[in-house]
Amino acid sequence: MKDNSSIIQVLNFQLINELSAANQYFLHSKICKNWGFIKISKKEYKESIEEMKHADQLIDRILMLNGEPNMRILHQFKVSKNIIEILKNDLKLEKISQITIKKGILSINKFNDYISQNILINILCDTEKHIYWLEMQLKLIKKIGLSHYIQL
């Protein structure tokens, strides 16, 4: 039987990112909804679901490789106190994830595990789209001001 421990470790590192992000986005969704920012709440909720789907793919792959998904460890995050903090904290988490994914892709490449590599590449595509969206929101706030932004 092939030793997949290195691949499983890489996938588990990313699983931590995905589960942490899902929790953070879900909480941010609820906070925004409580504040009355329904559009942002819906976007945060959608991102939470996307992160859970990523986690689902990673868990399936880890199990397929006869590994144990590590769901006990999550990144700590602060409860954001305003919209700008929410966007900045989401961006910070996505950038951490982006770095982990890129390192993971390079690491897995040595083992010729194209399935795990493809899963990470697909997650990277979604991550980079979300980084772009978050950066654009922060630029938009800077350009038009927070009071105008929250009315969009």
C-alpha atoms as a PDB file:
ATOM      1  CA  MET A   1       0.000   0.000   0.000  1.00  0.00           C
ATOM      2  CA  LYS A   2       1.256   3.456  -0.962  1.00  0.00           C
ATOM      3  CA  ASP A   3       2.205   5.906   1.809  1.00  0.00           C
ATOM      4  CA  ASN A   4      -0.036   8.932   1.348  1.00  0.00           C
ATOM      5  CA  SER A   5       0.786  10.622   4.658  1.00  0.00           C
ATOM      6  CA  SER A   6       2.461  13.660   3.054  1.00  0.00           C
ATOM      7  CA  ILE A   7      -0.486  14.239   0.735  1.00  0.00           C
ATOM      8  CA  ILE A   8      -2.964  13.768   3.577  1.00  0.00           C
ATOM      9  CA  GLN A   9      -1.040  16.307   5.666  1.00  0.00           C
ATOM     10  CA  VAL A  10      -1.252  18.886   2.857  1.00  0.00           C
ATOM     11  CA  LEU A  11      -4.969  18.252   2.391  1.00  0.00           C
ATOM     12  CA  ASN A  12      -5.569  18.507   6.146  1.00  0.00           C
ATOM     13  CA  PHE A  13      -3.765  21.868   6.286  1.00  0.00           C
ATOM     14  CA  GLN A  14      -6.144  23.168   3.643  1.00  0.00           C
ATOM     15  CA  LEU A  15      -9.102  21.569   5.387  1.00  0.00           C
ATOM     16  CA  ILE A  16      -8.302  23.709   8.449  1.00  0.00           C
ATOM     17  CA  ASN A  17      -8.430  26.803   6.219  1.00  0.00           C
ATOM     18  CA  GLU A  18     -11.724  25.807   4.616  1.00  0.00           C
ATOM     19  CA  LEU A  19     -13.506  24.948   7.867  1.00  0.00           C
ATOM     20  CA  SER A  20     -12.196  28.113   9.529  1.00  0.00           C
ATOM     21  CA  ALA A  21     -13.353  30.217   6.591  1.00  0.00           C
ATOM     22  CA  ALA A  22     -16.780  28.556   6.550  1.00  0.00           C
ATOM     23  CA  ASN A  23     -17.256  29.415  10.228  1.00  0.00           C
ATOM     24  CA  GLN A  24     -15.998  32.965   9.802  1.00  0.00           C
ATOM     25  CA  TYR A  25     -18.195  33.655   6.760  1.00  0.00           C
ATOM     26  CA  PHE A  26     -21.223  32.142   8.476  1.00  0.00           C
ATOM     27  CA  LEU A  27     -20.714  34.318  11.545  1.00  0.00           C
ATOM     28  CA  HIS A  28     -20.122  37.394   9.376  1.00  0.00           C
ATOM     29  CA  SER A  29     -23.306  36.593   7.466  1.00  0.00           C
ATOM     30  CA  LYS A  30     -25.295  36.532  10.690  1.00  0.00           C
ATOM     31  CA  ILE A  31     -23.644  39.727  11.963  1.00  0.00           C
ATOM     32  CA  CYS A  32     -24.408  41.574   8.714  1.00  0.00           C
ATOM     33  CA  LYS A  33     -27.993  40.315   8.759  1.00  0.00           C
ATOM     34  CA  ASN A  34     -28.362  41.534  12.343  1.00  0.00           C
ATOM     35  CA  TRP A  35     -27.058  44.960  11.287  1.00  0.00           C
ATOM     36  CA  GLY A  36     -29.532  45.072   8.387  1.00  0.00           C
ATOM     37  CA  PHE A  37     -26.959  44.653   5.603  1.00  0.00           C
ATOM     38  CA  ILE A  38     -28.843  41.957   3.727  1.00  0.00           C
ATOM     39  CA  LYS A  39     -26.831  41.968   0.461  1.00  0.00           C
ATOM     40  CA  ILE A  40     -23.523  41.558   2.253  1.00  0.00           C
ATOM     41  CA  SER A  41     -25.108  38.968   4.539  1.00  0.00           C
ATOM     42  CA  LYS A  42     -26.190  36.912   1.522  1.00  0.00           C
ATOM     43  CA  LYS A  43     -22.712  37.160  -0.032  1.00  0.00           C
ATOM     44  CA  GLU A  44     -21.066  36.040   3.224  1.00  0.00           C
ATOM     45  CA  TYR A  45     -23.524  33.143   3.515  1.00  0.00           C
ATOM     46  CA  LYS A  46     -22.829  32.080  -0.079  1.00  0.00           C
ATOM     47  CA  GLU A  47     -19.095  32.115   0.650  1.00  0.00           C
ATOM     48  CA  SER A  48     -19.662  30.025   3.781  1.00  0.00           C
ATOM     49  CA  ILE A  49     -21.432  27.372   1.707  1.00  0.00           C
ATOM     50  CA  GLU A  50     -18.654  27.455  -0.914  1.00  0.00           C
ATOM     51  CA  GLU A  51     -16.044  26.869   1.784  1.00  0.00           C
ATOM     52  CA  MET A  52     -18.064  23.922   3.129  1.00  0.00           C
ATOM     53  CA  LYS A  53     -18.137  22.445  -0.384  1.00  0.00           C
ATOM     54  CA  HIS A  54     -14.353  22.785  -0.545  1.00  0.00           C
ATOM     55  CA  ALA A  55     -14.085  21.078   2.849  1.00  0.00           C
ATOM     56  CA  ASP A  56     -16.375  18.323   1.576  1.00  0.00           C
ATOM     57  CA  GLN A  57     -14.070  17.648  -1.385  1.00  0.00           C
ATOM     58  CA  LEU A  58     -11.001  17.600   0.845  1.00  0.00           C
ATOM     59  CA  ILE A  59     -12.606  15.260   3.366  1.00  0.00           C
ATOM     60  CA  ASP A  60     -13.669  12.857   0.609  1.00  0.00           C
ATOM     61  CA  ARG A  61     -10.151  12.823  -0.811  1.00  0.00           C
ATOM     62  CA  ILE A  62      -8.478  12.357   2.582  1.00  0.00           C
ATOM     63  CA  LEU A  63     -10.770   9.415   3.304  1.00  0.00           C
ATOM     64  CA  MET A  64     -10.097   7.967  -0.149  1.00  0.00           C
ATOM     65  CA  LEU A  65      -6.377   8.071   0.668  1.00  0.00           C
ATOM     66  CA  ASN A  66      -7.126   6.188   3.916  1.00  0.00           C
ATOM     67  CA  GLY A  67      -6.417   9.258   6.022  1.00  0.00           C
ATOM     68  CA  GLU A  68      -8.227  10.875   8.902  1.00  0.00           C
ATOM     69  CA  PRO A  69      -9.685  14.332   8.249  1.00  0.00           C
ATOM     70  CA  ASN A  70      -8.568  16.719  10.980  1.00  0.00           C
ATOM     71  CA  MET A  71     -11.667  18.662  11.938  1.00  0.00           C
ATOM     72  CA  ARG A  72     -10.582  19.513  15.474  1.00  0.00           C
ATOM     73  CA  ILE A  73      -8.246  22.384  14.644  1.00  0.00           C
ATOM     74  CA  LEU A  74      -9.482  25.745  13.361  1.00  0.00           C
ATOM     75  CA  HIS A  75      -7.867  29.154  12.969  1.00  0.00           C
ATOM     76  CA  GLN A  76      -8.930  31.661  15.583  1.00  0.00           C
ATOM     77  CA  PHE A  77     -10.599  34.793  14.326  1.00  0.00           C
ATOM     78  CA  LYS A  78     -11.874  37.971  15.899  1.00  0.00           C
ATOM     79  CA  VAL A  79     -15.512  38.930  15.761  1.00  0.00           C
ATOM     80  CA  SER A  80     -15.552  41.878  13.378  1.00  0.00           C
ATOM     81  CA  LYS A  81     -17.081  45.100  14.630  1.00  0.00           C
ATOM     82  CA  ASN A  82     -17.899  46.769  11.289  1.00  0.00           C
ATOM     83  CA  ILE A  83     -18.157  46.114   7.548  1.00  0.00           C
ATOM     84  CA  ILE A  84     -14.583  47.154   6.791  1.00  0.00           C
ATOM     85  CA  GLU A  85     -13.235  44.788   9.476  1.00  0.00           C
ATOM     86  CA  ILE A  86     -15.377  41.990   8.060  1.00  0.00           C
ATOM     87  CA  LEU A  87     -13.955  42.489   4.570  1.00  0.00           C
ATOM     88  CA  LYS A  88     -10.375  42.843   5.837  1.00  0.00           C
ATOM     89  CA  ASN A  89     -10.613  39.758   8.047  1.00  0.00           C
ATOM     90  CA  ASP A  90     -12.108  37.747   5.190  1.00  0.00           C
ATOM     91  CA  LEU A  91      -9.305  38.923   2.909  1.00  0.00           C
ATOM     92  CA  LYS A  92      -6.675  37.973   5.483  1.00  0.00           C
ATOM     93  CA  LEU A  93      -8.088  34.451   5.785  1.00  0.00           C
ATOM     94  CA  GLU A  94      -8.308  34.034   1.996  1.00  0.00           C
ATOM     95  CA  LYS A  95      -4.688  35.108   1.564  1.00  0.00           C
ATOM     96  CA  ILE A  96      -3.564  32.569   4.174  1.00  0.00           C
ATOM     97  CA  SER A  97      -5.514  29.941   2.280  1.00  0.00           C
ATOM     98  CA  GLN A  98      -3.989  31.038  -1.037  1.00  0.00           C
ATOM     99  CA  ILE A  99      -0.453  30.573   0.308  1.00  0.00           C
ATOM    100  CA  THR A 100      -1.286  27.155   1.792  1.00  0.00           C
ATOM    101  CA  ILE A 101      -2.866  25.987  -1.459  1.00  0.00           C
ATOM    102  CA  LYS A 102       0.059  27.099  -3.620  1.00  0.00           C
ATOM    103  CA  LYS A 103       2.555  25.378  -1.324  1.00  0.00           C
ATOM    104  CA  GLY A 104       0.328  22.308  -1.242  1.00  0.00           C
ATOM    105  CA  ILE A 105       0.099  22.094  -5.028  1.00  0.00           C
ATOM    106  CA  LEU A 106       3.887  22.206  -5.310  1.00  0.00           C
ATOM    107  CA  SER A 107       4.295  19.623  -2.563  1.00  0.00           C
ATOM    108  CA  ILE A 108       1.746  17.205  -4.010  1.00  0.00           C
ATOM    109  CA  ASN A 109       3.262  17.569  -7.472  1.00  0.00           C
ATOM    110  CA  LYS A 110       6.218  15.395  -6.333  1.00  0.00           C
ATOM    111  CA  PHE A 111       3.859  12.488  -5.674  1.00  0.00           C
ATOM    112  CA  ASN A 112       2.061  12.618  -9.031  1.00  0.00           C
ATOM    113  CA  ASP A 113      -1.306  12.748  -7.267  1.00  0.00           C
ATOM    114  CA  TYR A 114      -3.153  14.646  -9.957  1.00  0.00           C
ATOM    115  CA  ILE A 115      -6.553  14.229  -8.327  1.00  0.00           C
ATOM    116  CA  SER A 116      -5.507  15.923  -5.070  1.00  0.00           C
ATOM    117  CA  GLN A 117      -3.618  18.518  -7.068  1.00  0.00           C
ATOM    118  CA  ASN A 118      -6.694  19.224  -9.197  1.00  0.00           C
ATOM    119  CA  ILE A 119      -8.873  19.635  -6.102  1.00  0.00           C
ATOM    120  CA  LEU A 120      -6.421  22.217  -4.751  1.00  0.00           C
ATOM    121  CA  ILE A 121      -6.210  24.009  -8.113  1.00  0.00           C
ATOM    122  CA  ASN A 122     -10.000  24.317  -8.245  1.00  0.00           C
ATOM    123  CA  ILE A 123     -10.084  25.641  -4.683  1.00  0.00           C
ATOM    124  CA  LEU A 124      -7.300  28.095  -5.597  1.00  0.00           C
ATOM    125  CA  CYS A 125      -9.393  29.426  -8.500  1.00  0.00           C
ATOM    126  CA  ASP A 126     -12.308  30.136  -6.156  1.00  0.00           C
ATOM    127  CA  THR A 127      -9.973  31.604  -3.536  1.00  0.00           C
ATOM    128  CA  GLU A 128      -8.374  34.014  -5.989  1.00  0.00           C
ATOM    129  CA  LYS A 129     -11.782  35.112  -7.305  1.00  0.00           C
ATOM    130  CA  HIS A 130     -12.838  35.862  -3.755  1.00  0.00           C
ATOM    131  CA  ILE A 131      -9.598  37.725  -2.991  1.00  0.00           C
ATOM    132  CA  TYR A 132     -10.230  39.876  -6.060  1.00  0.00           C
ATOM    133  CA  TRP A 133     -13.838  40.556  -4.979  1.00  0.00           C
ATOM    134  CA  LEU A 134     -12.787  41.490  -1.435  1.00  0.00           C
ATOM    135  CA  GLU A 135     -10.027  43.806  -2.682  1.00  0.00           C
ATOM    136  CA  MET A 136     -12.502  45.500  -5.045  1.00  0.00           C
ATOM    137  CA  GLN A 137     -15.001  46.023  -2.204  1.00  0.00           C
ATOM    138  CA  LEU A 138     -12.331  47.663  -0.051  1.00  0.00           C
ATOM    139  CA  LYS A 139     -11.266  49.890  -2.979  1.00  0.00           C
ATOM    140  CA  LEU A 140     -14.895  50.784  -3.627  1.00  0.00           C
ATOM    141  CA  ILE A 141     -15.373  51.802   0.006  1.00  0.00           C
ATOM    142  CA  LYS A 142     -12.247  53.947  -0.218  1.00  0.00           C
ATOM    143  CA  LYS A 143     -13.536  55.552  -3.423  1.00  0.00           C
ATOM    144  CA  ILE A 144     -17.185  56.228  -2.535  1.00  0.00           C
ATOM    145  CA  GLY A 145     -17.131  56.053   1.259  1.00  0.00           C
ATOM    146  CA  LEU A 146     -18.660  53.546   3.630  1.00  0.00           C
ATOM    147  CA  SER A 147     -22.003  55.350   3.913  1.00  0.00           C
ATOM    148  CA  HIS A 148     -22.554  55.071   0.143  1.00  0.00           C
ATOM    149  CA  TYR A 149     -21.181  51.533  -0.027  1.00  0.00           C
ATOM    150  CA  ILE A 150     -23.623  50.107   2.501  1.00  0.00           C
ATOM    151  CA  GLN A 151     -26.511  51.531   0.466  1.00  0.00           C
ATOM    152  CA  LEU A 152     -25.542  49.565  -2.656  1.00  0.00           C
END
